[in-house]
């Protein structure tokens, strides 16, 4: 929500519960997450996400912040597993600006052969893996999420890519995880945001630059690509 505050977190918790879910951890972060950068950046490391290198560009640094936060959340889920003596089979990573256009069903995904697999959409890949919404088997999640930030700075040609999508593809290959791209219908999310109308009202809309399919109805497509 665009108006999420510490005062209405409890109502969000209740909404998730009413929908059949469970909130393991919910925090409203007010300070930027600190990411430790290497003390010496060699020329090959500067090629990692060279379109927006984390050492100089906020976009790149925010990619690392996101994966660092996902690592923390995975650790919290592990604590819950230990307390209640069970194990998750899948890890679904969905952004706070994801809008689900259709119901999501795990039955269309298989872990019969291996759970060391990451599923991503086969659209808007930008030369790599579409990382807006990710579904991983348990083994894949533990190979990727706790290791991405530290592994990002390894001297490996597979990470010498220009954007986050291609770096993620290289990293997935580097840690030995199987990547499988699936149709949009299996991971049907779009990036949503709030946009002000001429009358001053605020409406939810879908960002056109990241849409993987033609959509109609509500919410509408945003009027700008910003």
Protein backbone atom coordinates (compact mmCIF):
# COMPACT_ATOMS: atom_id res chain seq x y z
CA UNK A 1 0.00 0.00 0.00
CA UNK A 2 1.17 3.54 -0.69
CA UNK A 3 0.05 4.56 2.82
CA UNK A 4 1.53 1.74 4.90
CA UNK A 5 2.56 3.04 8.30
CA UNK A 6 3.48 1.52 11.63
CA UNK A 7 -0.07 2.27 12.74
CA UNK A 8 -1.79 0.05 10.18
CA UNK A 9 0.60 -2.89 10.05
CA UNK A 10 -1.77 -4.83 12.32
CA UNK A 11 -4.59 -4.39 9.80
CA UNK A 12 -2.34 -5.72 7.04
CA UNK A 13 -1.49 -8.72 9.21
CA UNK A 14 -5.20 -9.39 9.65
CA UNK A 15 -5.86 -9.07 5.91
CA UNK A 16 -3.22 -11.70 5.19
CA UNK A 17 -4.72 -13.97 7.84
CA UNK A 18 -8.21 -13.52 6.42
CA UNK A 19 -6.87 -14.57 3.00
CA UNK A 20 -5.51 -17.81 4.46
CA UNK A 21 -1.89 -16.68 4.82
CA UNK A 22 0.43 -16.15 7.73
CA UNK A 23 2.80 -13.30 8.45
CA UNK A 24 6.14 -14.59 9.72
CA UNK A 25 7.80 -11.17 9.85
CA UNK A 26 6.76 -7.67 8.82
CA UNK A 27 8.91 -4.63 9.37
CA UNK A 28 8.57 -1.06 8.15
CA UNK A 29 12.12 0.02 7.30
CA UNK A 30 12.83 3.74 7.68
CA UNK A 31 16.59 3.68 7.06
CA UNK A 32 18.58 2.53 4.06
CA UNK A 33 20.18 -0.87 4.47
CA UNK A 34 23.97 -0.75 4.70
CA UNK A 35 25.83 -2.82 2.11
CA UNK A 36 29.56 -3.40 2.53
CA UNK A 37 31.52 -2.82 -0.65
CA UNK A 38 34.99 -4.26 -1.39
CA UNK A 39 37.85 -2.02 -0.31
CA UNK A 40 39.47 -2.50 -3.71
CA UNK A 41 37.43 -2.65 -6.89
CA UNK A 42 39.42 -4.22 -9.70
CA UNK A 43 38.47 -3.53 -13.35
CA UNK A 44 36.68 -6.87 -13.70
CA UNK A 45 34.49 -6.19 -10.65
CA UNK A 46 33.43 -2.87 -12.16
CA UNK A 47 31.95 -4.88 -15.04
CA UNK A 48 29.45 -6.52 -12.67
CA UNK A 49 26.12 -4.82 -13.42
CA UNK A 50 28.02 -2.24 -15.41
CA UNK A 51 24.87 -0.38 -16.48
CA UNK A 52 24.46 0.75 -12.86
CA UNK A 53 27.45 -0.46 -10.78
CA UNK A 54 26.65 -0.66 -7.05
CA UNK A 55 29.84 1.20 -6.17
CA UNK A 56 28.53 4.39 -7.80
CA UNK A 57 24.84 3.96 -8.72
CA UNK A 58 21.88 3.71 -6.33
CA UNK A 59 19.98 1.37 -8.66
CA UNK A 60 22.73 -1.22 -8.49
CA UNK A 61 23.14 -0.80 -4.76
CA UNK A 62 19.39 -1.30 -4.28
CA UNK A 63 19.61 -4.63 -6.13
CA UNK A 64 22.12 -5.82 -3.53
CA UNK A 65 19.97 -4.41 -0.73
CA UNK A 66 17.01 -6.39 -2.01
CA UNK A 67 18.91 -9.68 -2.00
CA UNK A 68 20.39 -8.92 1.41
CA UNK A 69 16.87 -8.42 2.78
CA UNK A 70 15.72 -11.65 1.14
CA UNK A 71 18.56 -13.47 2.90
CA UNK A 72 17.34 -12.09 6.24
CA UNK A 73 13.79 -13.19 5.52
CA UNK A 74 14.97 -16.68 4.57
CA UNK A 75 16.75 -16.94 7.90
CA UNK A 76 13.55 -15.95 9.71
CA UNK A 77 11.63 -18.65 7.84
CA UNK A 78 14.29 -21.19 8.86
CA UNK A 79 13.78 -20.21 12.50
CA UNK A 80 10.05 -20.80 12.11
CA UNK A 81 10.72 -24.18 10.50
CA UNK A 82 12.86 -25.23 13.43
CA UNK A 83 10.32 -24.05 15.98
CA UNK A 84 7.41 -25.87 14.34
CA UNK A 85 9.37 -28.80 12.87
CA UNK A 86 8.48 -28.57 9.20
CA UNK A 87 10.15 -27.54 5.94
CA UNK A 88 9.00 -25.29 3.14
CA UNK A 89 9.17 -26.86 -0.30
CA UNK A 90 9.03 -23.61 -2.27
CA UNK A 91 10.22 -20.05 -1.74
CA UNK A 92 8.20 -17.42 -3.62
CA UNK A 93 9.77 -13.98 -3.92
CA UNK A 94 7.22 -11.32 -4.81
CA UNK A 95 7.93 -7.61 -4.66
CA UNK A 96 5.80 -5.14 -2.74
CA UNK A 97 4.79 -3.54 -6.05
CA UNK A 98 3.75 -6.84 -7.67
CA UNK A 99 0.11 -6.96 -8.79
CA UNK A 100 -1.20 -10.47 -9.34
CA UNK A 101 -3.37 -10.46 -12.45
CA UNK A 102 -4.51 -14.06 -12.05
CA UNK A 103 -4.61 -16.65 -9.25
CA UNK A 104 -1.29 -18.37 -8.61
CA UNK A 105 -1.11 -22.14 -8.43
CA UNK A 106 1.86 -24.22 -7.32
CA UNK A 107 0.35 -27.28 -8.99
CA UNK A 108 1.76 -26.13 -12.34
CA UNK A 109 5.33 -26.39 -10.97
CA UNK A 110 7.13 -29.64 -10.34
CA UNK A 111 9.89 -30.58 -7.91
CA UNK A 112 9.78 -34.28 -8.80
CA UNK A 113 13.25 -34.33 -10.36
CA UNK A 114 14.98 -31.69 -8.24
CA UNK A 115 14.24 -28.79 -5.92
CA UNK A 116 17.45 -27.10 -7.05
CA UNK A 117 15.53 -25.04 -9.62
CA UNK A 118 14.51 -21.41 -10.03
CA UNK A 119 11.45 -20.51 -12.10
CA UNK A 120 11.26 -17.12 -13.82
CA UNK A 121 9.01 -15.58 -16.46
CA UNK A 122 10.03 -16.02 -20.09
CA UNK A 123 9.37 -12.35 -20.92
CA UNK A 124 11.22 -9.09 -20.29
CA UNK A 125 14.37 -11.06 -19.60
CA UNK A 126 16.71 -8.27 -20.75
CA UNK A 127 19.38 -10.80 -21.64
CA UNK A 128 19.09 -12.80 -18.41
CA UNK A 129 16.40 -13.77 -15.90
CA UNK A 130 13.33 -11.69 -15.15
CA UNK A 131 13.80 -11.21 -11.40
CA UNK A 132 10.62 -9.27 -10.61
CA UNK A 133 8.88 -12.39 -9.26
CA UNK A 134 10.82 -15.58 -8.48
CA UNK A 135 9.81 -19.09 -7.49
CA UNK A 136 12.51 -21.40 -6.15
CA UNK A 137 12.73 -24.90 -4.79
CA UNK A 138 14.15 -25.13 -1.30
CA UNK A 139 17.69 -26.11 -2.34
CA UNK A 140 17.82 -23.37 -4.97
CA UNK A 141 16.66 -20.73 -2.50
CA UNK A 142 19.40 -21.67 -0.05
CA UNK A 143 22.01 -21.59 -2.81
CA UNK A 144 20.96 -18.17 -4.15
CA UNK A 145 19.56 -15.91 -1.44
CA UNK A 146 22.20 -16.23 1.32
CA UNK A 147 25.08 -16.03 -1.15
CA UNK A 148 24.14 -13.47 -3.79
CA UNK A 149 25.55 -10.31 -2.18
CA UNK A 150 28.89 -11.85 -1.23
CA UNK A 151 29.07 -13.88 -4.43
CA UNK A 152 28.39 -10.77 -6.51
CA UNK A 153 31.97 -9.65 -5.83
CA UNK A 154 33.65 -12.86 -6.88
CA UNK A 155 36.07 -12.74 -9.78
CA UNK A 156 34.01 -14.70 -12.27
CA UNK A 157 33.41 -13.86 -15.92
CA UNK A 158 29.80 -15.06 -15.63
CA UNK A 159 29.10 -11.99 -13.48
CA UNK A 160 30.62 -9.51 -15.91
CA UNK A 161 27.23 -8.45 -17.24
CA UNK A 162 25.54 -5.13 -17.80
CA UNK A 163 22.27 -5.44 -15.82
CA UNK A 164 20.70 -7.21 -12.86
CA UNK A 165 18.87 -9.75 -15.01
CA UNK A 166 22.02 -11.00 -16.74
CA UNK A 167 24.05 -10.95 -13.51
CA UNK A 168 21.40 -13.08 -11.80
CA UNK A 169 21.52 -15.55 -14.71
CA UNK A 170 25.30 -15.75 -14.39
CA UNK A 171 25.13 -16.19 -10.63
CA UNK A 172 22.49 -18.93 -10.86
CA UNK A 173 24.78 -20.76 -13.26
CA UNK A 174 27.78 -20.16 -10.99
CA UNK A 175 26.12 -21.76 -7.94
CA UNK A 176 24.83 -24.72 -9.93
CA UNK A 177 21.10 -24.01 -9.84
CA UNK A 178 18.88 -25.05 -12.74
CA UNK A 179 17.01 -22.17 -14.35
CA UNK A 180 13.63 -22.74 -15.98
CA UNK A 181 11.67 -20.01 -17.73
CA UNK A 182 7.89 -20.39 -17.71
CA UNK A 183 5.02 -18.64 -19.52
CA UNK A 184 3.63 -15.43 -18.06
CA UNK A 185 0.38 -17.24 -17.16
CA UNK A 186 2.26 -19.30 -14.56
CA UNK A 187 3.75 -16.24 -12.80
CA UNK A 188 1.15 -13.59 -13.71
CA UNK A 189 2.41 -10.45 -12.00
CA UNK A 190 2.81 -6.87 -13.19
CA UNK A 191 4.57 -3.93 -11.60
CA UNK A 192 1.98 -1.59 -10.08
CA UNK A 193 2.17 1.93 -8.73
CA UNK A 194 -0.06 4.80 -7.76
CA UNK A 195 -0.59 7.62 -10.25
CA UNK A 196 -2.23 10.98 -9.68
CA UNK A 197 -5.12 11.99 -11.96
CA UNK A 198 -5.68 15.53 -13.15
CA UNK A 199 -8.31 16.00 -10.44
CA UNK A 200 -5.78 15.15 -7.75
CA UNK A 201 -7.13 11.68 -6.97
CA UNK A 202 -4.69 8.74 -6.77
CA UNK A 203 -5.34 5.54 -8.70
CA UNK A 204 -3.55 2.21 -8.84
CA UNK A 205 -2.15 1.44 -12.31
CA UNK A 206 0.19 -1.02 -14.04
CA UNK A 207 3.58 0.10 -15.32
CA UNK A 208 3.60 -0.41 -19.12
CA UNK A 209 7.36 -0.89 -19.48
CA UNK A 210 7.35 -4.17 -17.54
CA UNK A 211 4.07 -5.66 -18.74
CA UNK A 212 4.43 -9.12 -20.23
CA UNK A 213 0.92 -9.32 -21.69
CA UNK A 214 -1.91 -7.15 -22.94
CA UNK A 215 -4.31 -6.38 -20.11
CA UNK A 216 -7.71 -4.77 -19.94
CA UNK A 217 -10.01 -3.75 -17.16
CA UNK A 218 -8.91 -2.62 -13.72
CA UNK A 219 -6.35 -1.54 -12.79
CA UNK A 220 -5.58 0.33 -15.98
CA UNK A 221 -2.16 0.72 -17.54
CA UNK A 222 -0.32 3.81 -16.29
CA UNK A 223 -0.24 6.81 -18.61
CA UNK A 224 3.56 7.12 -18.44
CA UNK A 225 6.57 4.80 -18.34
CA UNK A 226 8.09 6.55 -15.31
